[in-house]
Protein backbone atom coordinates (compact mmCIF):
# COMPACT_ATOMS: atom_id res chain seq x y z
CA MET A 1 10.84 28.34 42.98
CA LYS A 2 8.03 26.07 43.52
CA HIS A 3 6.06 27.84 40.46
CA GLN A 4 9.23 27.57 38.30
CA LEU A 5 9.34 24.04 39.01
CA LEU A 6 5.87 23.24 37.89
CA ILE A 7 5.52 25.19 34.65
CA ILE A 8 8.63 23.11 34.00
CA ILE A 9 6.91 20.05 34.58
CA LEU A 10 3.92 20.94 32.78
CA LEU A 11 6.04 22.26 29.55
CA THR A 12 7.84 18.65 29.67
CA THR A 13 4.47 16.66 29.89
CA LEU A 14 3.17 19.28 27.02
CA LEU A 15 6.31 18.25 24.68
CA SER A 16 6.15 14.90 25.73
CA CYS A 17 2.33 14.13 24.63
CA THR A 18 3.23 16.76 21.12
CA ALA A 19 6.05 15.02 20.13
CA SER A 20 6.49 12.53 17.42
CA PRO A 21 8.86 9.75 17.48
CA ASP A 22 11.20 9.32 14.94
CA GLU A 23 10.90 6.65 12.15
CA LYS A 24 12.19 3.36 13.35
CA PRO A 25 14.42 1.50 11.02
CA VAL A 26 12.89 -2.32 10.20
CA PRO A 27 15.91 -4.60 9.11
CA LEU A 28 14.32 -6.74 6.19
CA LEU A 29 14.99 -10.70 5.92
CA ASP A 30 15.98 -12.60 2.81
CA PHE A 31 12.84 -13.85 1.00
CA HIS A 32 11.61 -15.77 -1.71
CA ALA A 33 8.58 -17.47 -3.09
CA GLY A 34 9.11 -20.85 -1.78
CA MET A 35 8.90 -19.76 2.18
CA ILE A 36 4.95 -19.40 1.12
CA SER A 37 2.97 -22.58 -0.12
CA LYS A 38 0.99 -21.76 -3.18
CA LYS A 39 -2.20 -23.25 -1.38
CA LEU A 40 -2.34 -19.63 0.52
CA TYR A 41 -2.52 -17.58 -2.34
CA LYS A 42 -3.68 -16.43 -5.47
CA GLY A 43 -2.01 -15.52 -8.50
CA HIS A 44 1.67 -15.14 -9.16
CA ILE A 45 3.88 -13.42 -6.99
CA LYS A 46 5.29 -10.36 -8.32
CA GLU A 47 6.89 -8.73 -5.25
CA GLY A 48 7.68 -10.08 -1.59
CA LYS A 49 9.05 -8.91 1.82
CA ARG A 50 10.02 -10.66 4.93
CA TRP A 51 10.93 -9.09 8.79
CA LYS A 52 10.62 -9.26 12.24
CA ASP A 53 8.43 -6.90 14.90
CA LYS A 54 7.42 -7.59 18.24
CA ARG A 55 4.66 -9.96 16.44
CA GLY A 56 7.04 -12.25 15.13
CA GLU A 57 8.12 -12.81 11.87
CA ASN A 58 5.97 -11.66 9.04
CA ILE A 59 5.82 -12.22 5.44
CA VAL A 60 3.87 -9.48 2.85
CA ILE A 61 3.26 -10.69 -0.80
CA LEU A 62 1.76 -8.91 -3.82
CA THR A 63 0.96 -11.17 -6.59
CA GLN A 64 -0.96 -10.45 -9.76
CA THR A 65 -3.09 -12.70 -12.57
CA GLY A 66 -2.00 -11.17 -15.59
CA VAL A 67 -5.02 -11.00 -18.11
CA TYR A 68 -7.01 -13.21 -18.97
CA TRP A 69 -10.12 -14.19 -21.09
CA SER A 70 -13.62 -12.86 -19.02
CA SER A 71 -15.47 -14.20 -22.30
CA VAL A 72 -14.18 -15.62 -25.43
CA TYR A 73 -17.90 -15.22 -27.17
CA ASP A 74 -18.13 -11.38 -25.91
CA ALA A 75 -14.20 -11.14 -26.32
CA THR A 76 -13.76 -9.49 -23.08
CA ARG A 77 -11.06 -10.05 -20.49
CA GLY A 78 -10.05 -9.09 -16.79
CA ALA A 79 -7.24 -9.54 -14.62
CA ARG A 80 -6.71 -9.53 -10.67
CA LEU A 81 -4.42 -8.70 -7.99
CA TYR A 82 -4.11 -9.51 -4.63
CA ALA A 83 -1.51 -8.75 -1.58
CA TYR A 84 -1.31 -10.65 1.26
CA HIS A 85 0.05 -10.44 5.26
CA PHE A 86 1.21 -13.48 7.00
CA ILE A 87 2.69 -14.53 10.24
CA LYS A 88 4.57 -17.21 11.24
CA THR A 89 3.06 -19.41 13.91
CA GLY A 90 5.43 -22.87 14.34
CA ASP A 91 6.28 -23.69 11.35
CA SER A 92 3.13 -22.23 9.32
CA PHE A 93 2.19 -19.07 8.28
CA LYS A 94 -1.66 -17.47 9.27
CA GLU A 95 -3.32 -14.91 7.47
CA VAL A 96 -3.31 -11.38 9.01
CA TRP A 97 -5.09 -9.43 6.05
CA LYS A 98 -5.89 -9.75 2.46
CA ILE A 99 -7.14 -7.68 -0.53
CA SER A 100 -7.83 -7.99 -4.09
CA GLU A 101 -8.40 -5.71 -6.50
CA VAL A 102 -10.33 -6.57 -10.26
CA VAL A 103 -11.00 -5.48 -13.62
CA ASN A 104 -13.22 -7.89 -15.46
CA GLU A 105 -15.47 -8.06 -18.92
CA CYS A 106 -13.23 -5.65 -20.09
CA ALA A 107 -13.32 -4.84 -24.12
CA TRP A 108 -10.98 -2.74 -24.16
CA ASP A 109 -7.22 -2.25 -22.96
CA VAL A 110 -6.87 -3.63 -19.24
CA ARG A 111 -4.89 -2.71 -16.55
CA CYS A 112 -4.72 -4.15 -12.99
CA ASN A 113 -1.03 -4.10 -11.44
CA PHE A 114 0.60 -2.62 -8.36
CA PHE A 115 3.24 -0.12 -9.12
CA SER A 116 6.91 -1.29 -9.14
CA ASN A 117 8.94 -1.11 -6.30
CA SER A 118 5.90 0.29 -4.04
CA LEU A 119 5.95 -1.83 -1.60
CA THR A 120 7.02 -0.50 1.71
CA ILE A 121 7.74 -1.77 5.04
CA THR A 122 8.20 1.12 7.83
CA ASP A 123 7.72 1.96 11.52
CA LEU A 124 6.84 5.46 11.37
CA ASP A 125 5.25 5.61 14.97
CA SER A 126 8.44 3.35 16.50
CA ASP A 127 5.91 1.02 18.31
CA ASP A 128 7.44 -2.28 17.11
CA ILE A 129 4.93 -3.04 14.80
CA ALA A 130 5.55 -2.35 10.84
CA GLU A 131 3.38 -0.84 8.67
CA VAL A 132 2.85 -1.66 4.89
CA GLY A 133 2.45 0.20 2.16
CA PHE A 134 2.00 -0.28 -1.78
CA ALA A 135 0.19 1.28 -4.70
CA LEU A 136 -1.86 -0.18 -7.39
CA ALA A 137 -3.68 1.10 -10.40
CA LYS A 138 -6.40 -0.72 -12.89
CA GLY A 139 -8.57 0.42 -15.82
CA CYS A 140 -10.55 -0.63 -18.90
CA LYS A 141 -10.40 2.15 -21.42
CA SER A 142 -10.52 2.34 -25.30
CA GLU A 143 -7.70 5.52 -25.36
CA PRO A 144 -4.77 6.11 -23.37
CA GLY A 145 -6.17 8.15 -20.22
CA PRO A 146 -6.48 7.95 -16.07
CA ASP A 147 -6.68 4.96 -14.38
CA GLU A 148 -7.72 4.27 -11.13
CA LYS A 149 -5.36 4.72 -8.77
CA LYS A 150 -4.89 3.68 -4.88
CA VAL A 151 -2.06 3.81 -2.08
CA VAL A 152 -2.73 1.43 0.78
CA PHE A 153 -1.36 1.61 3.94
CA TYR A 154 -1.67 -1.10 6.65
CA GLU A 155 -0.74 -1.17 10.16
CA GLY A 156 -1.73 -4.45 11.67
CA LYS A 157 -5.00 -5.24 10.63
CA ASP A 158 -6.01 -1.36 10.53
CA LEU A 159 -6.24 -0.35 6.63
CA TYR A 160 -5.83 3.65 5.50
CA LEU A 161 -6.42 4.46 1.66
CA ILE A 162 -6.09 7.25 -0.59
CA GLN A 163 -7.78 6.60 -3.79
CA GLY A 164 -8.22 8.60 -6.91
CA THR A 165 -6.66 8.45 -10.43
CA THR A 166 -3.59 8.74 -12.12
CA THR A 167 -2.32 11.82 -13.73
CA VAL A 168 -1.81 11.95 -17.46
CA VAL A 169 0.26 14.54 -18.88
CA LYS A 170 -0.44 15.14 -22.57
CA GLY A 171 1.41 18.50 -23.80
CA SER A 172 -0.21 21.64 -21.61
CA GLN A 173 -2.84 19.39 -20.72
CA LYS A 174 -3.13 17.68 -16.94
CA LEU A 175 -5.83 14.72 -17.07
CA GLY A 176 -6.95 12.91 -13.97
CA GLY A 177 -5.10 13.30 -10.87
CA ASP A 178 -8.16 13.04 -8.79
CA LYS A 179 -7.63 12.47 -4.94
CA GLU A 180 -9.52 11.58 -1.59
CA VAL A 181 -7.84 10.77 1.93
CA GLU A 182 -9.90 8.23 3.93
CA LYS A 183 -11.02 10.46 7.21
CA LYS A 184 -9.51 7.40 9.44
CA PHE A 185 -6.40 8.83 8.73
CA ALA A 186 -6.93 11.71 11.17
CA ASP A 187 -7.06 9.12 14.07
CA ALA A 188 -3.59 8.03 13.20
CA PRO A 189 0.16 9.14 13.68
CA ASP A 190 0.52 12.19 11.51
CA ALA A 191 3.48 10.67 9.85
CA PHE A 192 1.28 7.87 8.39
CA LEU A 193 -0.31 10.32 5.76
CA GLU A 194 3.00 12.44 5.22
CA PHE A 195 4.29 9.03 3.91
CA ALA A 196 1.43 7.96 2.29
CA ASN A 197 0.73 11.39 0.58
CA LYS A 198 4.60 10.99 -0.59
CA GLN A 199 3.88 7.56 -2.35
CA TRP A 200 0.55 9.14 -3.99
CA ASN A 201 3.05 11.42 -5.58
CA LYS A 202 5.74 9.47 -6.65
CA PHE A 203 3.58 6.94 -8.43
CA GLY A 204 1.16 7.23 -11.32
CA VAL A 205 2.34 10.28 -12.95
CA ALA A 206 3.07 10.22 -16.77
CA ALA A 207 3.38 11.37 -19.84
CA ALA A 208 0.62 10.34 -22.63
CA ALA A 209 1.87 8.07 -25.42
CA LYS A 210 2.11 9.80 -29.09
């Protein structure tokens, strides 16, 4: 009887260590651009989300400059995008992290933007600290083809990346689609990479313009 009880305890312990918790929904709060001072970010807000977790009230914004002239003399253009995470402290917001991407001095077609509706707020490991994810693409090219592509995934200040290229389908030919998963995902819950891979497959696949 004692041996059976010991086996049950051991099995219960092993199962509790290997089982992954279910995703916990993160209720979103109303967001509008006026909640964040323009002094705290660059570019124009494309998308934003607001929520509460055990850290307090959070806001994430994605911003873009649009295409601008890098050099009128050289006829080159550029574009920048930014992502910011803020936590409210008192009546103001404190920056948690910021990233930026740039295409500069491009004499061809410029692309530097977030994929629409790619901004996600999740709690995949149910620890009451929400994760932030989004996807972006950038490039400078003279004819249609793959662009550089990234899926960005944050929990707190921990950054996880999948990067490579977009996929362009031209008839029976498939261009691009390169993919590199950052090794840091190996130390994170399996649900993080599973979700990031789904986002990778969801955005950045298109047919070539005829």
